[in-house]
C-alpha cells in the first residue's frame, strides 16, 4: 500500500504588523497568522520604531528586523515555533544593546550642548 504525499508550498509573507502583544502576518494564500510577541524577546524589548523597521527576506519566506538583528521564518510561524535563541545569547544581545543605547544617549546629550 502506498501513501500519496501532497506537497504544499509555504505561503509567503505580504504584510507585517506588530501590536504591543502580537506579531501579525498576512500571507499570500489569504490567511493571517498571529503569534504572541513574547515568543520573540528581541521584539519585546525593541522600541516601536525598531519593531516597525522590518523587511521581507527570501521573497517573503521570512521577516528581518535590522535594528534588533531578528529573523523570523514564515515556516516557523506556521509551525508555532517561538524564538530558539538561548538564554546566553539573549543576555549577550541585551548587554550589547544597553551599551549601544547608553552610547547613543550620551552622544545626543553632548550634541545638544
PDB file of N, CA and C in Angstrom:
ATOM      1  N   UNK A   1       0.834  -1.162   0.000  1.00  0.00           N
ATOM      2  CA  UNK A   1       0.000   0.000   0.000  1.00  0.00           C
ATOM      3  C   UNK A   1       0.889   1.239   0.000  1.00  0.00           C
ATOM      4  N   UNK A   2       0.547   2.173  -0.831  1.00  0.00           N
ATOM      5  CA  UNK A   2       1.344   3.400  -0.879  1.00  0.00           C
ATOM      6  C   UNK A   2       0.517   4.565  -0.350  1.00  0.00           C
ATOM      7  N   UNK A   3       1.219   5.521   0.149  1.00  0.00           N
ATOM      8  CA  UNK A   3       0.580   6.725   0.672  1.00  0.00           C
ATOM      9  C   UNK A   3       1.022   7.886  -0.202  1.00  0.00           C
ATOM     10  N   UNK A   4       0.069   8.599  -0.724  1.00  0.00           N
ATOM     11  CA  UNK A   4       0.447   9.754  -1.540  1.00  0.00           C
ATOM     12  C   UNK A   4       0.689  10.949  -0.627  1.00  0.00           C
ATOM     13  N   UNK A   5       1.693  11.664  -0.975  1.00  0.00           N
ATOM     14  CA  UNK A   5       2.059  12.837  -0.194  1.00  0.00           C
ATOM     15  C   UNK A   5       1.770  14.074  -1.026  1.00  0.00           C
ATOM     16  N   UNK A   6       1.053  14.979  -0.425  1.00  0.00           N
ATOM     17  CA  UNK A   6       0.767  16.238  -1.102  1.00  0.00           C
ATOM     18  C   UNK A   6       1.759  17.271  -0.567  1.00  0.00           C
ATOM     19  N   UNK A   7       2.544  17.790  -1.475  1.00  0.00           N
ATOM     20  CA  UNK A   7       3.499  18.810  -1.065  1.00  0.00           C
ATOM     21  C   UNK A   7       2.895  20.172  -1.340  1.00  0.00           C
ATOM     22  N   UNK A   8       2.933  20.997  -0.332  1.00  0.00           N
ATOM     23  CA  UNK A   8       2.413  22.348  -0.472  1.00  0.00           C
ATOM     24  C   UNK A   8       3.547  23.330  -0.288  1.00  0.00           C
ATOM     25  N   UNK A   9       3.506  24.347  -1.078  1.00  0.00           N
ATOM     26  CA  UNK A   9       4.497  25.402  -0.938  1.00  0.00           C
ATOM     27  C   UNK A   9       4.109  26.275   0.249  1.00  0.00           C
ATOM     28  N   UNK A  10       5.091  26.635   1.060  1.00  0.00           N
ATOM     29  CA  UNK A  10       4.840  27.516   2.185  1.00  0.00           C
ATOM     30  C   UNK A  10       4.407  28.878   1.654  1.00  0.00           C
ATOM     31  N   UNK A  11       3.293  29.402   2.167  1.00  0.00           N
ATOM     32  CA  UNK A  11       2.877  30.728   1.703  1.00  0.00           C
ATOM     33  C   UNK A  11       3.917  31.777   2.101  1.00  0.00           C
ATOM     34  N   UNK A  12       3.858  32.899   1.439  1.00  0.00           N
ATOM     35  CA  UNK A  12       4.826  33.961   1.689  1.00  0.00           C
ATOM     36  C   UNK A  12       4.174  35.096   2.457  1.00  0.00           C
ATOM     37  N   UNK A  13       4.993  35.783   3.239  1.00  0.00           N
ATOM     38  CA  UNK A  13       4.517  36.969   3.952  1.00  0.00           C
ATOM     39  C   UNK A  13       4.312  38.094   2.952  1.00  0.00           C
ATOM     40  N   UNK A  14       3.245  38.843   3.159  1.00  0.00           N
ATOM     41  CA  UNK A  14       2.993  40.001   2.315  1.00  0.00           C
ATOM     42  C   UNK A  14       2.964  41.290   3.125  1.00  0.00           C
ATOM     43  N   UNK A  15       2.518  41.202   4.354  1.00  0.00           N
ATOM     44  CA  UNK A  15       2.432  42.389   5.211  1.00  0.00           C
ATOM     45  C   UNK A  15       2.649  41.966   6.661  1.00  0.00           C
ATOM     46  N   UNK A  16       3.269  42.842   7.426  1.00  0.00           N
ATOM     47  CA  UNK A  16       3.578  42.559   8.828  1.00  0.00           C
ATOM     48  C   UNK A  16       3.070  43.719   9.676  1.00  0.00           C
ATOM     49  N   UNK A  17       2.459  43.378  10.790  1.00  0.00           N
ATOM     50  CA  UNK A  17       2.007  44.384  11.742  1.00  0.00           C
ATOM     51  C   UNK A  17       2.386  43.892  13.136  1.00  0.00           C
ATOM     52  N   UNK A  18       2.807  44.829  13.966  1.00  0.00           N
ATOM     53  CA  UNK A  18       3.153  44.469  15.336  1.00  0.00           C
ATOM     54  C   UNK A  18       2.366  45.364  16.284  1.00  0.00           C
ATOM     55  N   UNK A  19       1.679  44.723  17.219  1.00  0.00           N
ATOM     56  CA  UNK A  19       0.983  45.460  18.272  1.00  0.00           C
ATOM     57  C   UNK A  19       1.814  45.322  19.542  1.00  0.00           C
ATOM     58  N   UNK A  20       1.298  45.798  20.649  1.00  0.00           N
ATOM     59  CA  UNK A  20       2.033  45.685  21.911  1.00  0.00           C
ATOM     60  C   UNK A  20       2.221  44.248  22.363  1.00  0.00           C
ATOM     61  N   UNK A  21       1.370  43.350  21.873  1.00  0.00           N
ATOM     62  CA  UNK A  21       1.479  41.968  22.342  1.00  0.00           C
ATOM     63  C   UNK A  21       1.433  40.903  21.246  1.00  0.00           C
ATOM     64  N   UNK A  22       1.370  41.314  19.967  1.00  0.00           N
ATOM     65  CA  UNK A  22       1.244  40.323  18.892  1.00  0.00           C
ATOM     66  C   UNK A  22       2.067  40.670  17.658  1.00  0.00           C
ATOM     67  N   UNK A  23       2.490  39.621  16.966  1.00  0.00           N
ATOM     68  CA  UNK A  23       3.077  39.721  15.640  1.00  0.00           C
ATOM     69  C   UNK A  23       2.014  39.185  14.690  1.00  0.00           C
ATOM     70  N   UNK A  24       1.602  40.004  13.730  1.00  0.00           N
ATOM     71  CA  UNK A  24       0.526  39.645  12.816  1.00  0.00           C
ATOM     72  C   UNK A  24       1.078  39.678  11.399  1.00  0.00           C
ATOM     73  N   UNK A  25       0.937  38.564  10.674  1.00  0.00           N
ATOM     74  CA  UNK A  25       1.487  38.462   9.329  1.00  0.00           C
ATOM     75  C   UNK A  25       0.393  38.027   8.363  1.00  0.00           C
ATOM     76  N   UNK A  26       0.177  38.841   7.331  1.00  0.00           N
ATOM     77  CA  UNK A  26      -0.744  38.470   6.248  1.00  0.00           C
ATOM     78  C   UNK A  26       0.031  37.646   5.237  1.00  0.00           C
ATOM     79  N   UNK A  27      -0.529  36.492   4.866  1.00  0.00           N
ATOM     80  CA  UNK A  27       0.140  35.564   3.971  1.00  0.00           C
ATOM     81  C   UNK A  27      -0.438  35.604   2.555  1.00  0.00           C
ATOM     82  N   UNK A  28       0.363  35.132   1.615  1.00  0.00           N
ATOM     83  CA  UNK A  28      -0.010  35.149   0.201  1.00  0.00           C
ATOM     84  C   UNK A  28      -1.212  34.259  -0.116  1.00  0.00           C
ATOM     85  N   UNK A  29      -1.526  33.308   0.751  1.00  0.00           N
ATOM     86  CA  UNK A  29      -2.673  32.429   0.491  1.00  0.00           C
ATOM     87  C   UNK A  29      -3.964  32.942   1.125  1.00  0.00           C
ATOM     88  N   UNK A  30      -3.917  34.185   1.638  1.00  0.00           N
ATOM     89  CA  UNK A  30      -5.119  34.791   2.206  1.00  0.00           C
ATOM     90  C   UNK A  30      -5.256  34.643   3.704  1.00  0.00           C
ATOM     91  N   UNK A  31      -4.440  33.802   4.313  1.00  0.00           N
ATOM     92  CA  UNK A  31      -4.502  33.642   5.763  1.00  0.00           C
ATOM     93  C   UNK A  31      -3.759  34.762   6.461  1.00  0.00           C
ATOM     94  N   UNK A  32      -4.126  34.969   7.716  1.00  0.00           N
ATOM     95  CA  UNK A  32      -3.392  35.857   8.608  1.00  0.00           C
ATOM     96  C   UNK A  32      -2.990  35.028   9.810  1.00  0.00           C
ATOM     97  N   UNK A  33      -1.732  35.091  10.160  1.00  0.00           N
ATOM     98  CA  UNK A  33      -1.255  34.336  11.313  1.00  0.00           C
ATOM     99  C   UNK A  33      -0.815  35.331  12.386  1.00  0.00           C
ATOM    100  N   UNK A  34      -1.202  35.037  13.622  1.00  0.00           N
ATOM    101  CA  UNK A  34      -0.865  35.891  14.757  1.00  0.00           C
ATOM    102  C   UNK A  34      -0.103  35.054  15.778  1.00  0.00           C
ATOM    103  N   UNK A  35       1.006  35.603  16.244  1.00  0.00           N
ATOM    104  CA  UNK A  35       1.815  34.930  17.262  1.00  0.00           C
ATOM    105  C   UNK A  35       2.041  35.899  18.415  1.00  0.00           C
ATOM    106  N   UNK A  36       2.131  35.368  19.628  1.00  0.00           N
ATOM    107  CA  UNK A  36       2.399  36.253  20.767  1.00  0.00           C
ATOM    108  C   UNK A  36       3.778  36.908  20.625  1.00  0.00           C
ATOM    109  N   UNK A  37       3.850  38.188  20.872  1.00  0.00           N
ATOM    110  CA  UNK A  37       5.117  38.893  20.761  1.00  0.00           C
ATOM    111  C   UNK A  37       6.138  38.332  21.749  1.00  0.00           C
ATOM    112  N   UNK A  38       5.670  37.823  22.871  1.00  0.00           N
ATOM    113  CA  UNK A  38       6.576  37.274  23.882  1.00  0.00           C
ATOM    114  C   UNK A  38       7.387  36.077  23.364  1.00  0.00           C
ATOM    115  N   UNK A  39       6.979  35.500  22.250  1.00  0.00           N
ATOM    116  CA  UNK A  39       7.768  34.428  21.631  1.00  0.00           C
ATOM    117  C   UNK A  39       9.089  34.954  21.085  1.00  0.00           C
ATOM    118  N   UNK A  40       9.180  36.270  20.879  1.00  0.00           N
ATOM    119  CA  UNK A  40      10.352  36.869  20.246  1.00  0.00           C
ATOM    120  C   UNK A  40      10.889  37.992  21.135  1.00  0.00           C
ATOM    121  N   UNK A  41      11.691  37.632  22.134  1.00  0.00           N
ATOM    122  CA  UNK A  41      12.148  38.603  23.134  1.00  0.00           C
ATOM    123  C   UNK A  41      12.818  39.848  22.561  1.00  0.00           C
ATOM    124  N   UNK A  42      13.540  39.716  21.470  1.00  0.00           N
ATOM    125  CA  UNK A  42      14.178  40.904  20.895  1.00  0.00           C
ATOM    126  C   UNK A  42      13.132  41.919  20.440  1.00  0.00           C
ATOM    127  N   UNK A  43      12.010  41.428  19.930  1.00  0.00           N
ATOM    128  CA  UNK A  43      10.951  42.343  19.523  1.00  0.00           C
ATOM    129  C   UNK A  43      10.231  42.933  20.732  1.00  0.00           C
ATOM    130  N   UNK A  44      10.139  42.162  21.799  1.00  0.00           N
ATOM    131  CA  UNK A  44       9.533  42.669  23.029  1.00  0.00           C
ATOM    132  C   UNK A  44      10.313  43.879  23.532  1.00  0.00           C
ATOM    133  N   UNK A  45      11.632  43.789  23.501  1.00  0.00           N
ATOM    134  CA  UNK A  45      12.486  44.858  24.016  1.00  0.00           C
ATOM    135  C   UNK A  45      12.770  45.954  23.000  1.00  0.00           C
ATOM    136  N   UNK A  46      12.313  45.798  21.786  1.00  0.00           N
ATOM    137  CA  UNK A  46      12.536  46.803  20.746  1.00  0.00           C
ATOM    138  C   UNK A  46      11.601  47.994  20.940  1.00  0.00           C
ATOM    139  N   UNK A  47      12.089  49.151  20.576  1.00  0.00           N
ATOM    140  CA  UNK A  47      11.247  50.346  20.562  1.00  0.00           C
ATOM    141  C   UNK A  47      10.265  50.226  19.397  1.00  0.00           C
ATOM    142  N   UNK A  48       9.135  50.914  19.473  1.00  0.00           N
ATOM    143  CA  UNK A  48       8.162  50.841  18.374  1.00  0.00           C
ATOM    144  C   UNK A  48       8.777  51.139  17.007  1.00  0.00           C
ATOM    145  N   UNK A  49       9.679  52.115  16.949  1.00  0.00           N
ATOM    146  CA  UNK A  49      10.319  52.445  15.670  1.00  0.00           C
ATOM    147  C   UNK A  49      11.144  51.265  15.157  1.00  0.00           C
ATOM    148  N   UNK A  50      11.802  50.559  16.064  1.00  0.00           N
ATOM    149  CA  UNK A  50      12.603  49.396  15.676  1.00  0.00           C
ATOM    150  C   UNK A  50      11.704  48.254  15.209  1.00  0.00           C
ATOM    151  N   UNK A  51      10.600  48.051  15.896  1.00  0.00           N
ATOM    152  CA  UNK A  51       9.658  46.993  15.508  1.00  0.00           C
ATOM    153  C   UNK A  51       9.085  47.241  14.121  1.00  0.00           C
ATOM    154  N   UNK A  52       8.854  48.499  13.814  1.00  0.00           N
ATOM    155  CA  UNK A  52       8.250  48.838  12.523  1.00  0.00           C
ATOM    156  C   UNK A  52       9.264  48.913  11.393  1.00  0.00           C
ATOM    157  N   UNK A  53      10.530  48.753  11.697  1.00  0.00           N
ATOM    158  CA  UNK A  53      11.579  48.767  10.679  1.00  0.00           C
ATOM    159  C   UNK A  53      11.906  47.330  10.267  1.00  0.00           C
ATOM    160  N   UNK A  54      11.005  46.714   9.543  1.00  0.00           N
ATOM    161  CA  UNK A  54      11.166  45.332   9.096  1.00  0.00           C
ATOM    162  C   UNK A  54      11.213  45.308   7.571  1.00  0.00           C
ATOM    163  N   UNK A  55      11.700  44.177   7.056  1.00  0.00           N
ATOM    164  CA  UNK A  55      11.655  43.951   5.611  1.00  0.00           C
ATOM    165  C   UNK A  55      11.484  42.458   5.379  1.00  0.00           C
ATOM    166  N   UNK A  56      10.863  42.134   4.260  1.00  0.00           N
ATOM    167  CA  UNK A  56      10.698  40.730   3.891  1.00  0.00           C
ATOM    168  C   UNK A  56      12.014  40.229   3.314  1.00  0.00           C
ATOM    169  N   UNK A  57      12.364  39.007   3.638  1.00  0.00           N
ATOM    170  CA  UNK A  57      13.575  38.387   3.100  1.00  0.00           C
ATOM    171  C   UNK A  57      13.191  37.071   2.433  1.00  0.00           C
ATOM    172  N   UNK A  58      14.070  36.604   1.540  1.00  0.00           N
ATOM    173  CA  UNK A  58      13.808  35.337   0.855  1.00  0.00           C
ATOM    174  C   UNK A  58      12.500  35.347   0.088  1.00  0.00           C
ATOM    175  N   UNK A  59      12.207  36.480  -0.547  1.00  0.00           N
ATOM    176  CA  UNK A  59      10.968  36.628  -1.334  1.00  0.00           C
ATOM    177  C   UNK A  59       9.718  36.353  -0.509  1.00  0.00           C
ATOM    178  N   UNK A  60       9.756  36.767   0.750  1.00  0.00           N
ATOM    179  CA  UNK A  60       8.591  36.623   1.615  1.00  0.00           C
ATOM    180  C   UNK A  60       8.592  35.381   2.483  1.00  0.00           C
ATOM    181  N   UNK A  61       9.662  34.607   2.445  1.00  0.00           N
ATOM    182  CA  UNK A  61       9.729  33.410   3.291  1.00  0.00           C
ATOM    183  C   UNK A  61      10.177  33.732   4.709  1.00  0.00           C
ATOM    184  N   UNK A  62      10.568  34.986   4.938  1.00  0.00           N
ATOM    185  CA  UNK A  62      10.990  35.399   6.267  1.00  0.00           C
ATOM    186  C   UNK A  62      10.865  36.895   6.437  1.00  0.00           C
ATOM    187  N   UNK A  63      11.049  37.323   7.686  1.00  0.00           N
ATOM    188  CA  UNK A  63      10.989  38.736   8.044  1.00  0.00           C
ATOM    189  C   UNK A  63      12.264  39.066   8.803  1.00  0.00           C
ATOM    190  N   UNK A  64      12.845  40.220   8.494  1.00  0.00           N
ATOM    191  CA  UNK A  64      14.089  40.640   9.142  1.00  0.00           C
ATOM    192  C   UNK A  64      13.910  42.020   9.761  1.00  0.00           C
ATOM    193  N   UNK A  65      14.401  42.161  10.993  1.00  0.00           N
ATOM    194  CA  UNK A  65      14.438  43.443  11.693  1.00  0.00           C
ATOM    195  C   UNK A  65      15.903  43.808  11.874  1.00  0.00           C
ATOM    196  N   UNK A  66      16.363  44.753  11.076  1.00  0.00           N
ATOM    197  CA  UNK A  66      17.773  45.167  11.088  1.00  0.00           C
ATOM    198  C   UNK A  66      18.197  45.720  12.445  1.00  0.00           C
ATOM    199  N   UNK A  67      17.368  46.568  13.039  1.00  0.00           N
ATOM    200  CA  UNK A  67      17.734  47.265  14.272  1.00  0.00           C
ATOM    201  C   UNK A  67      17.948  46.343  15.459  1.00  0.00           C
ATOM    202  N   UNK A  68      17.285  45.189  15.460  1.00  0.00           N
ATOM    203  CA  UNK A  68      17.420  44.270  16.593  1.00  0.00           C
ATOM    204  C   UNK A  68      18.003  42.917  16.179  1.00  0.00           C
ATOM    205  N   UNK A  69      18.438  42.822  14.927  1.00  0.00           N
ATOM    206  CA  UNK A  69      19.061  41.607  14.396  1.00  0.00           C
ATOM    207  C   UNK A  69      18.186  40.372  14.642  1.00  0.00           C
ATOM    208  N   UNK A  70      16.939  40.466  14.206  1.00  0.00           N
ATOM    209  CA  UNK A  70      15.977  39.368  14.374  1.00  0.00           C
ATOM    210  C   UNK A  70      15.495  38.900  13.013  1.00  0.00           C
ATOM    211  N   UNK A  71      15.450  37.591  12.838  1.00  0.00           N
ATOM    212  CA  UNK A  71      14.903  36.970  11.634  1.00  0.00           C
ATOM    213  C   UNK A  71      13.865  35.938  12.063  1.00  0.00           C
ATOM    214  N   UNK A  72      12.707  35.979  11.424  1.00  0.00           N
ATOM    215  CA  UNK A  72      11.641  35.023  11.724  1.00  0.00           C
ATOM    216  C   UNK A  72      11.168  34.427  10.409  1.00  0.00           C
ATOM    217  N   UNK A  73      11.123  33.102  10.349  1.00  0.00           N
ATOM    218  CA  UNK A  73      10.668  32.439   9.124  1.00  0.00           C
ATOM    219  C   UNK A  73       9.167  32.220   9.175  1.00  0.00           C
ATOM    220  N   UNK A  74       8.549  32.283   8.015  1.00  0.00           N
ATOM    221  CA  UNK A  74       7.116  32.020   7.913  1.00  0.00           C
ATOM    222  C   UNK A  74       6.839  30.556   8.245  1.00  0.00           C
ATOM    223  N   UNK A  75       7.704  29.685   7.811  1.00  0.00           N
ATOM    224  CA  UNK A  75       7.561  28.257   8.137  1.00  0.00           C
ATOM    225  C   UNK A  75       7.530  28.051   9.652  1.00  0.00           C
ATOM    226  N   UNK A  76       8.413  28.727  10.362  1.00  0.00           N
ATOM    227  CA  UNK A  76       8.447  28.625  11.824  1.00  0.00           C
ATOM    228  C   UNK A  76       7.178  29.162  12.463  1.00  0.00           C
ATOM    229  N   UNK A  77       6.678  30.278  11.953  1.00  0.00           N
ATOM    230  CA  UNK A  77       5.426  30.819  12.485  1.00  0.00           C
ATOM    231  C   UNK A  77       4.280  29.849  12.274  1.00  0.00           C
ATOM    232  N   UNK A  78       4.195  29.287  11.068  1.00  0.00           N
ATOM    233  CA  UNK A  78       3.124  28.337  10.773  1.00  0.00           C
ATOM    234  C   UNK A  78       3.213  27.082  11.638  1.00  0.00           C
ATOM    235  N   UNK A  79       4.431  26.708  11.995  1.00  0.00           N
ATOM    236  CA  UNK A  79       4.628  25.521  12.843  1.00  0.00           C
ATOM    237  C   UNK A  79       4.434  25.839  14.326  1.00  0.00           C
ATOM    238  N   UNK A  80       4.278  27.130  14.650  1.00  0.00           N
ATOM    239  CA  UNK A  80       4.073  27.508  16.050  1.00  0.00           C
ATOM    240  C   UNK A  80       5.351  27.502  16.864  1.00  0.00           C
ATOM    241  N   UNK A  81       6.490  27.783  16.194  1.00  0.00           N
ATOM    242  CA  UNK A  81       7.780  27.763  16.893  1.00  0.00           C
ATOM    243  C   UNK A  81       8.159  29.161  17.372  1.00  0.00           C
ATOM    244  N   UNK A  82       8.344  29.332  18.676  1.00  0.00           N
ATOM    245  CA  UNK A  82       8.858  30.604  19.177  1.00  0.00           C
ATOM    246  C   UNK A  82      10.358  30.715  18.894  1.00  0.00           C
ATOM    247  N   UNK A  83      10.933  31.825  19.251  1.00  0.00           N
ATOM    248  CA  UNK A  83      12.371  32.032  19.053  1.00  0.00           C
ATOM    249  C   UNK A  83      13.156  30.895  19.695  1.00  0.00           C
ATOM    250  N   UNK A  84      14.164  30.449  18.993  1.00  0.00           N
ATOM    251  CA  UNK A  84      15.008  29.377  19.523  1.00  0.00           C
ATOM    252  C   UNK A  84      16.282  29.914  20.159  1.00  0.00           C
ATOM    253  N   UNK A  85      16.344  31.228  20.372  1.00  0.00           N
ATOM    254  CA  UNK A  85      17.551  31.836  20.921  1.00  0.00           C
ATOM    255  C   UNK A  85      17.785  31.376  22.355  1.00  0.00           C
ATOM    256  N   UNK A  86      19.022  31.046  22.658  1.00  0.00           N
ATOM    257  CA  UNK A  86      19.373  30.587  24.006  1.00  0.00           C
ATOM    258  C   UNK A  86      19.373  31.764  24.979  1.00  0.00           C
ATOM    259  N   UNK A  87      19.251  31.462  26.246  1.00  0.00           N
ATOM    260  CA  UNK A  87      19.310  32.493  27.289  1.00  0.00           C
ATOM    261  C   UNK A  87      20.638  33.239  27.248  1.00  0.00           C
ATOM    262  N   UNK A  88      21.730  32.495  27.035  1.00  0.00           N
ATOM    263  CA  UNK A  88      23.052  33.123  26.999  1.00  0.00           C
ATOM    264  C   UNK A  88      23.164  34.092  25.830  1.00  0.00           C
ATOM    265  N   UNK A  89      22.657  33.711  24.670  1.00  0.00           N
ATOM    266  CA  UNK A  89      22.699  34.576  23.501  1.00  0.00           C
ATOM    267  C   UNK A  89      21.854  35.823  23.721  1.00  0.00           C
ATOM    268  N   UNK A  90      20.672  35.638  24.283  1.00  0.00           N
ATOM    269  CA  UNK A  90      19.797  36.784  24.520  1.00  0.00           C
ATOM    270  C   UNK A  90      20.416  37.732  25.534  1.00  0.00           C
ATOM    271  N   UNK A  91      21.024  37.201  26.573  1.00  0.00           N
ATOM    272  CA  UNK A  91      21.675  38.041  27.592  1.00  0.00           C
ATOM    273  C   UNK A  91      22.815  38.851  26.958  1.00  0.00           C
ATOM    274  N   UNK A  92      23.589  38.222  26.110  1.00  0.00           N
ATOM    275  CA  UNK A  92      24.682  38.912  25.421  1.00  0.00           C
ATOM    276  C   UNK A  92      24.114  40.033  24.546  1.00  0.00           C
ATOM    277  N   UNK A  93      23.039  39.744  23.819  1.00  0.00           N
ATOM    278  CA  UNK A  93      22.396  40.754  22.978  1.00  0.00           C
ATOM    279  C   UNK A  93      21.899  41.920  23.830  1.00  0.00           C
ATOM    280  N   UNK A  94      21.268  41.624  24.965  1.00  0.00           N
ATOM    281  CA  UNK A  94      20.751  42.682  25.851  1.00  0.00           C
ATOM    282  C   UNK A  94      21.886  43.566  26.356  1.00  0.00           C
ATOM    283  N   UNK A  95      23.005  42.952  26.743  1.00  0.00           N
ATOM    284  CA  UNK A  95      24.153  43.727  27.229  1.00  0.00           C
ATOM    285  C   UNK A  95      24.699  44.637  26.130  1.00  0.00           C
ATOM    286  N   UNK A  96      24.830  44.107  24.927  1.00  0.00           N
ATOM    287  CA  UNK A  96      25.320  44.913  23.800  1.00  0.00           C
ATOM    288  C   UNK A  96      24.335  46.029  23.474  1.00  0.00           C
ATOM    289  N   UNK A  97      23.067  45.719  23.536  1.00  0.00           N
ATOM    290  CA  UNK A  97      22.031  46.718  23.261  1.00  0.00           C
ATOM    291  C   UNK A  97      22.084  47.840  24.284  1.00  0.00           C
ATOM    292  N   UNK A  98      22.209  47.498  25.544  1.00  0.00           N
ATOM    293  CA  UNK A  98      22.258  48.512  26.597  1.00  0.00           C
ATOM    294  C   UNK A  98      23.468  49.424  26.407  1.00  0.00           C
ATOM    295  N   UNK A  99      24.603  48.842  26.069  1.00  0.00           N
ATOM    296  CA  UNK A  99      25.809  49.626  25.821  1.00  0.00           C
ATOM    297  C   UNK A  99      25.590  50.577  24.647  1.00  0.00           C
ATOM    298  N   UNK A 100      24.992  50.072  23.571  1.00  0.00           N
ATOM    299  CA  UNK A 100      24.740  50.878  22.377  1.00  0.00           C
ATOM    300  C   UNK A 100      23.766  52.015  22.683  1.00  0.00           C
ATOM    301  N   UNK A 101      22.689  51.731  23.429  1.00  0.00           N
ATOM    302  CA  UNK A 101      21.706  52.750  23.758  1.00  0.00           C
ATOM    303  C   UNK A 101      22.295  53.823  24.670  1.00  0.00           C
ATOM    304  N   UNK A 102      23.130  53.406  25.613  1.00  0.00           N
ATOM    305  CA  UNK A 102      23.785  54.357  26.516  1.00  0.00           C
ATOM    306  C   UNK A 102      24.723  55.265  25.737  1.00  0.00           C
ATOM    307  N   UNK A 103      25.471  54.702  24.810  1.00  0.00           N
ATOM    308  CA  UNK A 103      26.395  55.479  23.985  1.00  0.00           C
ATOM    309  C   UNK A 103      25.631  56.494  23.138  1.00  0.00           C
ATOM    310  N   UNK A 104      24.518  56.087  22.546  1.00  0.00           N
ATOM    311  CA  UNK A 104      23.698  57.000  21.739  1.00  0.00           C
ATOM    312  C   UNK A 104      23.148  58.137  22.586  1.00  0.00           C
ATOM    313  N   UNK A 105      22.683  57.802  23.781  1.00  0.00           N
ATOM    314  CA  UNK A 105      22.111  58.805  24.672  1.00  0.00           C
ATOM    315  C   UNK A 105      23.167  59.844  25.058  1.00  0.00           C
ATOM    316  N   UNK A 106      24.368  59.385  25.370  1.00  0.00           N
ATOM    317  CA  UNK A 106      25.451  60.305  25.716  1.00  0.00           C
ATOM    318  C   UNK A 106      25.799  61.202  24.539  1.00  0.00           C
ATOM    319  N   UNK A 107      25.842  60.639  23.343  1.00  0.00           N
ATOM    320  CA  UNK A 107      26.177  61.409  22.145  1.00  0.00           C
ATOM    321  C   UNK A 107      25.130  62.504  21.897  1.00  0.00           C
ATOM    322  N   UNK A 108      23.865  62.187  22.107  1.00  0.00           N
ATOM    323  CA  UNK A 108      22.807  63.188  21.930  1.00  0.00           C
ATOM    324  C   UNK A 108      22.928  64.305  22.952  1.00  0.00           C
ATOM    325  N   UNK A 109      23.246  63.951  24.194  1.00  0.00           N
ATOM    326  CA  UNK A 109      23.408  64.939  25.252  1.00  0.00           C
ATOM    327  C   UNK A 109      24.553  65.887  24.925  1.00  0.00           C
ATOM    328  N   UNK A 110      25.655  65.362  24.467  1.00  0.00           N
ATOM    329  CA  UNK A 110      26.818  66.184  24.108  1.00  0.00           C
ATOM    330  C   UNK A 110      26.482  67.069  22.917  1.00  0.00           C
ATOM    331  N   UNK A 111      25.762  66.541  21.939  1.00  0.00           N
ATOM    332  CA  UNK A 111      25.412  67.316  20.743  1.00  0.00           C
ATOM    333  C   UNK A 111      24.498  68.484  21.070  1.00  0.00           C
ATOM    334  N   UNK A 112      23.674  68.354  22.105  1.00  0.00           N
ATOM    335  CA  UNK A 112      22.748  69.426  22.481  1.00  0.00           C
ATOM    336  C   UNK A 112      23.456  70.582  23.171  1.00  0.00           C
ATOM    337  N   UNK A 113      24.622  70.338  23.717  1.00  0.00           N
ATOM    338  CA  UNK A 113      25.351  71.391  24.471  1.00  0.00           C
ATOM    339  C   UNK A 113      25.927  72.418  23.595  1.00  0.00           C
TER     340      UNK A 113
END
